Amino acid sequence: MVFGLGSQALAANGGGGKGGGSGGDGGDETEPTVSYDVVALDDASGRYTDAWARDINDSGTVVGSAEDSGSAWVATCWTTAYVGGPLTTQLKVLDGGTGGMAYGINNHGQIVGVGLDSSGNDLGLYWPSATKAPLTLSPLPEHSISWARGINEDGVICGNSISQRPSPEVPVVWRVGVD
């Protein structure tokens, strides 16, 4: 399946066909066609002014972010296997925080991304599931900003720690549940 939102298109190569390049016998070879479904993840009801799909797990759950009518970004989860069409869930924000963006989901439904705390700082977030409150992923001790970008099946999260923009970003990993 191929998913997309708005005017963005995501494509898939059908595999087994030849790519471009030189060589071959010069015969009349046609590229195989690939059939696929395109599924709108949101109903385009005007609830969001823009939306981005960022990652998908094996069950078809998609995470990303949507911009609401007040120009705030909201971390969002779309469950594509829902009867009647995709189910949209806005992920919870930090206490006192506003907005967020989801960047990764694993096959356990654990989600990572970034949100704003009550002071307006970007902080990496880990949602144990689409319905749970997020946990903060702190930056390195000398930094004040963190971003979480991906999570594997073991719950190891990758992202960045930043002192202040436009400082260089330092790649980091977090291991959730490790004391």
Foldseek 3Di string as FASTA:
>chain_A
DWEDEDPDGDDDQPPPFDDDDDDDDPDPDDTDDDDDDYAYQDPPPQQFPDWDWAEAEPQGKTWWWTQGPVRAIFTWIWRQVDPPGIDIATAAADVLWTHWIWAEAYPQQKTKWWTQHNVRAIFIWIASHRHGHTDTDAADPQAHHWTWHYAYPQGKTWTWTHRDPPGDTDIDIDRPPDD
